[in-house]
Amino acid sequence: MDPQLALMPEVHARRLLGDRCLRMHVVRPYGGWVGVGTLRVIAVRAIDSGLELLVGYERYDRGEAA
């Protein structure tokens, strides 16, 4: 992974990566959690069709039951 992308906001990383084909996976806890804060890059890896980004929020809060 390019160390410059580590913990970078996902929007900024996509701008830097330009027109490359990207596949993105969002990390989230199992159950009723809500992502809070900025979506950040955790890992980047090369795949056949381009790049794969693993991203996650800065924090997760327990979602309220309706």
PDB file of N, CA and C in Angstrom:
ATOM      1  N   MET A   1       0.853  -1.190   0.000  1.00  0.00           N
ATOM      2  CA  MET A   1       0.000   0.000   0.000  1.00  0.00           C
ATOM      3  C   MET A   1       0.883   1.231   0.000  1.00  0.00           C
ATOM      4  N   ASP A   2       0.460   2.223  -0.729  1.00  0.00           N
ATOM      5  CA  ASP A   2       1.159   3.499  -0.725  1.00  0.00           C
ATOM      6  C   ASP A   2       0.964   4.144   0.637  1.00  0.00           C
ATOM      7  N   PRO A   3       2.046   4.372   1.406  1.00  0.00           N
ATOM      8  CA  PRO A   3       1.897   4.942   2.755  1.00  0.00           C
ATOM      9  C   PRO A   3       1.210   6.303   2.772  1.00  0.00           C
ATOM     10  N   GLN A   4       1.254   7.013   1.651  1.00  0.00           N
ATOM     11  CA  GLN A   4       0.604   8.326   1.601  1.00  0.00           C
ATOM     12  C   GLN A   4      -0.911   8.206   1.647  1.00  0.00           C
ATOM     13  N   LEU A   5      -1.460   7.047   1.277  1.00  0.00           N
ATOM     14  CA  LEU A   5      -2.912   6.861   1.280  1.00  0.00           C
ATOM     15  C   LEU A   5      -3.446   6.402   2.641  1.00  0.00           C
ATOM     16  N   ALA A   6      -2.571   5.898   3.508  1.00  0.00           N
ATOM     17  CA  ALA A   6      -3.005   5.377   4.803  1.00  0.00           C
ATOM     18  C   ALA A   6      -3.708   6.470   5.610  1.00  0.00           C
ATOM     19  N   LEU A   7      -4.919   6.172   6.030  1.00  0.00           N
ATOM     20  CA  LEU A   7      -5.778   7.039   6.843  1.00  0.00           C
ATOM     21  C   LEU A   7      -6.219   8.315   6.131  1.00  0.00           C
ATOM     22  N   MET A   8      -5.955   8.393   4.848  1.00  0.00           N
ATOM     23  CA  MET A   8      -6.427   9.547   4.074  1.00  0.00           C
ATOM     24  C   MET A   8      -7.942   9.441   3.909  1.00  0.00           C
ATOM     25  N   PRO A   9      -8.651  10.567   3.951  1.00  0.00           N
ATOM     26  CA  PRO A   9     -10.084  10.510   3.653  1.00  0.00           C
ATOM     27  C   PRO A   9     -10.312   9.855   2.284  1.00  0.00           C
ATOM     28  N   GLU A  10     -11.304   9.003   2.219  1.00  0.00           N
ATOM     29  CA  GLU A  10     -11.595   8.225   1.002  1.00  0.00           C
ATOM     30  C   GLU A  10     -11.804   9.124  -0.210  1.00  0.00           C
ATOM     31  N   VAL A  11     -12.467  10.241  -0.047  1.00  0.00           N
ATOM     32  CA  VAL A  11     -12.727  11.165  -1.156  1.00  0.00           C
ATOM     33  C   VAL A  11     -11.407  11.700  -1.724  1.00  0.00           C
ATOM     34  N   HIS A  12     -10.472  12.057  -0.863  1.00  0.00           N
ATOM     35  CA  HIS A  12      -9.180  12.575  -1.327  1.00  0.00           C
ATOM     36  C   HIS A  12      -8.380  11.486  -2.031  1.00  0.00           C
ATOM     37  N   ALA A  13      -8.420  10.270  -1.500  1.00  0.00           N
ATOM     38  CA  ALA A  13      -7.702   9.154  -2.122  1.00  0.00           C
ATOM     39  C   ALA A  13      -8.239   8.888  -3.529  1.00  0.00           C
ATOM     40  N   ARG A  14      -9.571   8.895  -3.682  1.00  0.00           N
ATOM     41  CA  ARG A  14     -10.148   8.667  -5.014  1.00  0.00           C
ATOM     42  C   ARG A  14      -9.729   9.757  -5.989  1.00  0.00           C
ATOM     43  N   ARG A  15      -9.624  10.992  -5.514  1.00  0.00           N
ATOM     44  CA  ARG A  15      -9.175  12.083  -6.396  1.00  0.00           C
ATOM     45  C   ARG A  15      -7.742  11.849  -6.844  1.00  0.00           C
ATOM     46  N   LEU A  16      -6.866  11.439  -5.909  1.00  0.00           N
ATOM     47  CA  LEU A  16      -5.466  11.178  -6.251  1.00  0.00           C
ATOM     48  C   LEU A  16      -5.319  10.002  -7.214  1.00  0.00           C
ATOM     49  N   LEU A  17      -6.173   9.008  -7.080  1.00  0.00           N
ATOM     50  CA  LEU A  17      -6.086   7.812  -7.914  1.00  0.00           C
ATOM     51  C   LEU A  17      -6.670   8.028  -9.310  1.00  0.00           C
ATOM     52  N   GLY A  18      -7.348   9.129  -9.504  1.00  0.00           N
ATOM     53  CA  GLY A  18      -7.823   9.510 -10.826  1.00  0.00           C
ATOM     54  C   GLY A  18      -8.851   8.567 -11.415  1.00  0.00           C
ATOM     55  N   ASP A  19      -8.644   8.211 -12.684  1.00  0.00           N
ATOM     56  CA  ASP A  19      -9.621   7.417 -13.432  1.00  0.00           C
ATOM     57  C   ASP A  19      -9.410   5.907 -13.303  1.00  0.00           C
ATOM     58  N   ARG A  20      -8.582   5.480 -12.360  1.00  0.00           N
ATOM     59  CA  ARG A  20      -8.358   4.034 -12.193  1.00  0.00           C
ATOM     60  C   ARG A  20      -9.648   3.336 -11.787  1.00  0.00           C
ATOM     61  N   CYS A  21      -9.779   2.121 -12.229  1.00  0.00           N
ATOM     62  CA  CYS A  21     -10.925   1.307 -11.838  1.00  0.00           C
ATOM     63  C   CYS A  21     -10.748   0.909 -10.370  1.00  0.00           C
ATOM     64  N   LEU A  22     -11.743   1.224  -9.545  1.00  0.00           N
ATOM     65  CA  LEU A  22     -11.652   0.953  -8.108  1.00  0.00           C
ATOM     66  C   LEU A  22     -12.778   0.033  -7.659  1.00  0.00           C
ATOM     67  N   ARG A  23     -12.449  -0.839  -6.742  1.00  0.00           N
ATOM     68  CA  ARG A  23     -13.439  -1.641  -6.024  1.00  0.00           C
ATOM     69  C   ARG A  23     -13.267  -1.234  -4.555  1.00  0.00           C
ATOM     70  N   MET A  24     -14.369  -0.915  -3.898  1.00  0.00           N
ATOM     71  CA  MET A  24     -14.283  -0.419  -2.530  1.00  0.00           C
ATOM     72  C   MET A  24     -15.088  -1.310  -1.592  1.00  0.00           C
ATOM     73  N   HIS A  25     -14.485  -1.620  -0.447  1.00  0.00           N
ATOM     74  CA  HIS A  25     -15.151  -2.382   0.603  1.00  0.00           C
ATOM     75  C   HIS A  25     -15.142  -1.539   1.875  1.00  0.00           C
ATOM     76  N   VAL A  26     -16.302  -1.418   2.514  1.00  0.00           N
ATOM     77  CA  VAL A  26     -16.419  -0.644   3.749  1.00  0.00           C
ATOM     78  C   VAL A  26     -16.452  -1.615   4.927  1.00  0.00           C
ATOM     79  N   VAL A  27     -15.525  -1.430   5.853  1.00  0.00           N
ATOM     80  CA  VAL A  27     -15.462  -2.240   7.070  1.00  0.00           C
ATOM     81  C   VAL A  27     -16.525  -1.718   8.036  1.00  0.00           C
ATOM     82  N   ARG A  28     -17.266  -2.658   8.625  1.00  0.00           N
ATOM     83  CA  ARG A  28     -18.250  -2.235   9.626  1.00  0.00           C
ATOM     84  C   ARG A  28     -18.471  -3.376  10.608  1.00  0.00           C
ATOM     85  N   PRO A  29     -18.773  -3.036  11.835  1.00  0.00           N
ATOM     86  CA  PRO A  29     -19.062  -4.080  12.818  1.00  0.00           C
ATOM     87  C   PRO A  29     -20.379  -4.777  12.492  1.00  0.00           C
ATOM     88  N   TYR A  30     -20.510  -6.010  12.915  1.00  0.00           N
ATOM     89  CA  TYR A  30     -21.749  -6.749  12.732  1.00  0.00           C
ATOM     90  C   TYR A  30     -22.818  -6.186  13.663  1.00  0.00           C
ATOM     91  N   GLY A  31     -24.029  -6.052  13.175  1.00  0.00           N
ATOM     92  CA  GLY A  31     -25.143  -5.593  14.012  1.00  0.00           C
ATOM     93  C   GLY A  31     -25.544  -4.169  13.708  1.00  0.00           C
ATOM     94  N   GLY A  32     -26.183  -3.551  14.669  1.00  0.00           N
ATOM     95  CA  GLY A  32     -26.766  -2.224  14.490  1.00  0.00           C
ATOM     96  C   GLY A  32     -25.832  -1.083  14.829  1.00  0.00           C
ATOM     97  N   TRP A  33     -24.785  -0.917  14.041  1.00  0.00           N
ATOM     98  CA  TRP A  33     -23.824   0.156  14.253  1.00  0.00           C
ATOM     99  C   TRP A  33     -23.925   1.178  13.133  1.00  0.00           C
ATOM    100  N   VAL A  34     -23.595   2.427  13.455  1.00  0.00           N
ATOM    101  CA  VAL A  34     -23.635   3.521  12.491  1.00  0.00           C
ATOM    102  C   VAL A  34     -22.240   4.132  12.405  1.00  0.00           C
ATOM    103  N   GLY A  35     -21.718   4.248  11.185  1.00  0.00           N
ATOM    104  CA  GLY A  35     -20.417   4.876  10.994  1.00  0.00           C
ATOM    105  C   GLY A  35     -20.510   6.371  11.237  1.00  0.00           C
ATOM    106  N   VAL A  36     -19.522   6.905  11.977  1.00  0.00           N
ATOM    107  CA  VAL A  36     -19.507   8.327  12.331  1.00  0.00           C
ATOM    108  C   VAL A  36     -18.143   8.901  11.952  1.00  0.00           C
ATOM    109  N   GLY A  37     -18.158  10.087  11.422  1.00  0.00           N
ATOM    110  CA  GLY A  37     -16.909  10.756  11.070  1.00  0.00           C
ATOM    111  C   GLY A  37     -16.555  10.526   9.608  1.00  0.00           C
ATOM    112  N   THR A  38     -15.290  10.697   9.324  1.00  0.00           N
ATOM    113  CA  THR A  38     -14.786  10.607   7.964  1.00  0.00           C
ATOM    114  C   THR A  38     -14.519   9.157   7.572  1.00  0.00           C
ATOM    115  N   LEU A  39     -14.861   8.808   6.359  1.00  0.00           N
ATOM    116  CA  LEU A  39     -14.545   7.501   5.801  1.00  0.00           C
ATOM    117  C   LEU A  39     -13.090   7.550   5.346  1.00  0.00           C
ATOM    118  N   ARG A  40     -12.237   6.683   5.919  1.00  0.00           N
ATOM    119  CA  ARG A  40     -10.793   6.745   5.656  1.00  0.00           C
ATOM    120  C   ARG A  40     -10.256   5.451   5.055  1.00  0.00           C
ATOM    121  N   VAL A  41      -9.166   5.566   4.315  1.00  0.00           N
ATOM    122  CA  VAL A  41      -8.512   4.424   3.685  1.00  0.00           C
ATOM    123  C   VAL A  41      -7.763   3.618   4.746  1.00  0.00           C
ATOM    124  N   ILE A  42      -8.013   2.312   4.773  1.00  0.00           N
ATOM    125  CA  ILE A  42      -7.301   1.407   5.667  1.00  0.00           C
ATOM    126  C   ILE A  42      -6.233   0.639   4.888  1.00  0.00           C
ATOM    127  N   ALA A  43      -6.589   0.177   3.700  1.00  0.00           N
ATOM    128  CA  ALA A  43      -5.643  -0.589   2.884  1.00  0.00           C
ATOM    129  C   ALA A  43      -5.972  -0.432   1.409  1.00  0.00           C
ATOM    130  N   VAL A  44      -4.936  -0.584   0.584  1.00  0.00           N
ATOM    131  CA  VAL A  44      -5.084  -0.549  -0.875  1.00  0.00           C
ATOM    132  C   VAL A  44      -4.315  -1.734  -1.425  1.00  0.00           C
ATOM    133  N   ARG A  45      -4.908  -2.455  -2.384  1.00  0.00           N
ATOM    134  CA  ARG A  45      -4.168  -3.532  -3.036  1.00  0.00           C
ATOM    135  C   ARG A  45      -4.523  -3.564  -4.517  1.00  0.00           C
ATOM    136  N   ALA A  46      -3.553  -4.026  -5.295  1.00  0.00           N
ATOM    137  CA  ALA A  46      -3.762  -4.151  -6.733  1.00  0.00           C
ATOM    138  C   ALA A  46      -4.564  -5.410  -7.015  1.00  0.00           C
ATOM    139  N   ILE A  47      -5.523  -5.294  -7.924  1.00  0.00           N
ATOM    140  CA  ILE A  47      -6.300  -6.434  -8.413  1.00  0.00           C
ATOM    141  C   ILE A  47      -6.245  -6.396  -9.934  1.00  0.00           C
ATOM    142  N   ASP A  48      -6.717  -7.464 -10.576  1.00  0.00           N
ATOM    143  CA  ASP A  48      -6.637  -7.554 -12.041  1.00  0.00           C
ATOM    144  C   ASP A  48      -7.259  -6.357 -12.748  1.00  0.00           C
ATOM    145  N   SER A  49      -8.380  -5.892 -12.256  1.00  0.00           N
ATOM    146  CA  SER A  49      -9.104  -4.818 -12.941  1.00  0.00           C
ATOM    147  C   SER A  49      -8.729  -3.417 -12.463  1.00  0.00           C
ATOM    148  N   GLY A  50      -7.807  -3.278 -11.499  1.00  0.00           N
ATOM    149  CA  GLY A  50      -7.439  -1.957 -11.001  1.00  0.00           C
ATOM    150  C   GLY A  50      -6.949  -2.018  -9.567  1.00  0.00           C
ATOM    151  N   LEU A  51      -7.643  -1.305  -8.692  1.00  0.00           N
ATOM    152  CA  LEU A  51      -7.271  -1.257  -7.278  1.00  0.00           C
ATOM    153  C   LEU A  51      -8.472  -1.563  -6.396  1.00  0.00           C
ATOM    154  N   GLU A  52      -8.181  -2.110  -5.237  1.00  0.00           N
ATOM    155  CA  GLU A  52      -9.217  -2.394  -4.248  1.00  0.00           C
ATOM    156  C   GLU A  52      -8.907  -1.563  -3.003  1.00  0.00           C
ATOM    157  N   LEU A  53      -9.888  -0.789  -2.570  1.00  0.00           N
ATOM    158  CA  LEU A  53      -9.735   0.030  -1.364  1.00  0.00           C
ATOM    159  C   LEU A  53     -10.537  -0.588  -0.229  1.00  0.00           C
ATOM    160  N   LEU A  54      -9.907  -0.701   0.931  1.00  0.00           N
ATOM    161  CA  LEU A  54     -10.589  -1.104   2.153  1.00  0.00           C
ATOM    162  C   LEU A  54     -10.701   0.167   2.976  1.00  0.00           C
ATOM    163  N   VAL A  55     -11.930   0.553   3.320  1.00  0.00           N
ATOM    164  CA  VAL A  55     -12.153   1.814   4.025  1.00  0.00           C
ATOM    165  C   VAL A  55     -12.998   1.581   5.274  1.00  0.00           C
ATOM    166  N   GLY A  56     -12.890   2.494   6.216  1.00  0.00           N
ATOM    167  CA  GLY A  56     -13.694   2.422   7.423  1.00  0.00           C
ATOM    168  C   GLY A  56     -13.892   3.808   8.016  1.00  0.00           C
ATOM    169  N   TYR A  57     -14.919   3.937   8.805  1.00  0.00           N
ATOM    170  CA  TYR A  57     -15.205   5.221   9.454  1.00  0.00           C
ATOM    171  C   TYR A  57     -14.294   5.429  10.656  1.00  0.00           C
ATOM    172  N   GLU A  58     -14.179   6.667  11.093  1.00  0.00           N
ATOM    173  CA  GLU A  58     -13.340   6.990  12.242  1.00  0.00           C
ATOM    174  C   GLU A  58     -13.861   6.343  13.523  1.00  0.00           C
ATOM    175  N   ARG A  59     -15.182   6.161  13.586  1.00  0.00           N
ATOM    176  CA  ARG A  59     -15.782   5.616  14.803  1.00  0.00           C
ATOM    177  C   ARG A  59     -17.126   5.009  14.422  1.00  0.00           C
ATOM    178  N   TYR A  60     -17.594   4.091  15.244  1.00  0.00           N
ATOM    179  CA  TYR A  60     -18.896   3.463  15.052  1.00  0.00           C
ATOM    180  C   TYR A  60     -19.692   3.592  16.343  1.00  0.00           C
ATOM    181  N   ASP A  61     -20.919   4.059  16.241  1.00  0.00           N
ATOM    182  CA  ASP A  61     -21.820   4.171  17.390  1.00  0.00           C
ATOM    183  C   ASP A  61     -22.931   3.168  17.254  1.00  0.00           C
ATOM    184  N   ARG A  62     -23.403   2.711  18.379  1.00  0.00           N
ATOM    185  CA  ARG A  62     -24.522   1.767  18.406  1.00  0.00           C
ATOM    186  C   ARG A  62     -25.749   2.483  17.874  1.00  0.00           C
ATOM    187  N   GLY A  63     -26.429   1.893  16.880  1.00  0.00           N
ATOM    188  CA  GLY A  63     -27.638   2.488  16.317  1.00  0.00           C
ATOM    189  C   GLY A  63     -28.801   2.332  17.297  1.00  0.00           C
ATOM    190  N   GLU A  64     -29.690   3.288  17.289  1.00  0.00           N
ATOM    191  CA  GLU A  64     -30.865   3.242  18.174  1.00  0.00           C
ATOM    192  C   GLU A  64     -31.942   2.361  17.569  1.00  0.00           C
ATOM    193  N   ALA A  65     -32.598   1.586  18.406  1.00  0.00           N
ATOM    194  CA  ALA A  65     -33.718   0.740  17.950  1.00  0.00           C
ATOM    195  C   ALA A  65     -34.917   1.627  17.621  1.00  0.00           C
ATOM    196  N   ALA A  66     -35.583   1.298  16.549  1.00  0.00           N
ATOM    197  CA  ALA A  66     -36.734   2.119  16.130  1.00  0.00           C
ATOM    198  C   ALA A  66     -37.967   1.779  16.932  1.00  0.00           C
TER     199      ALA A  66
END
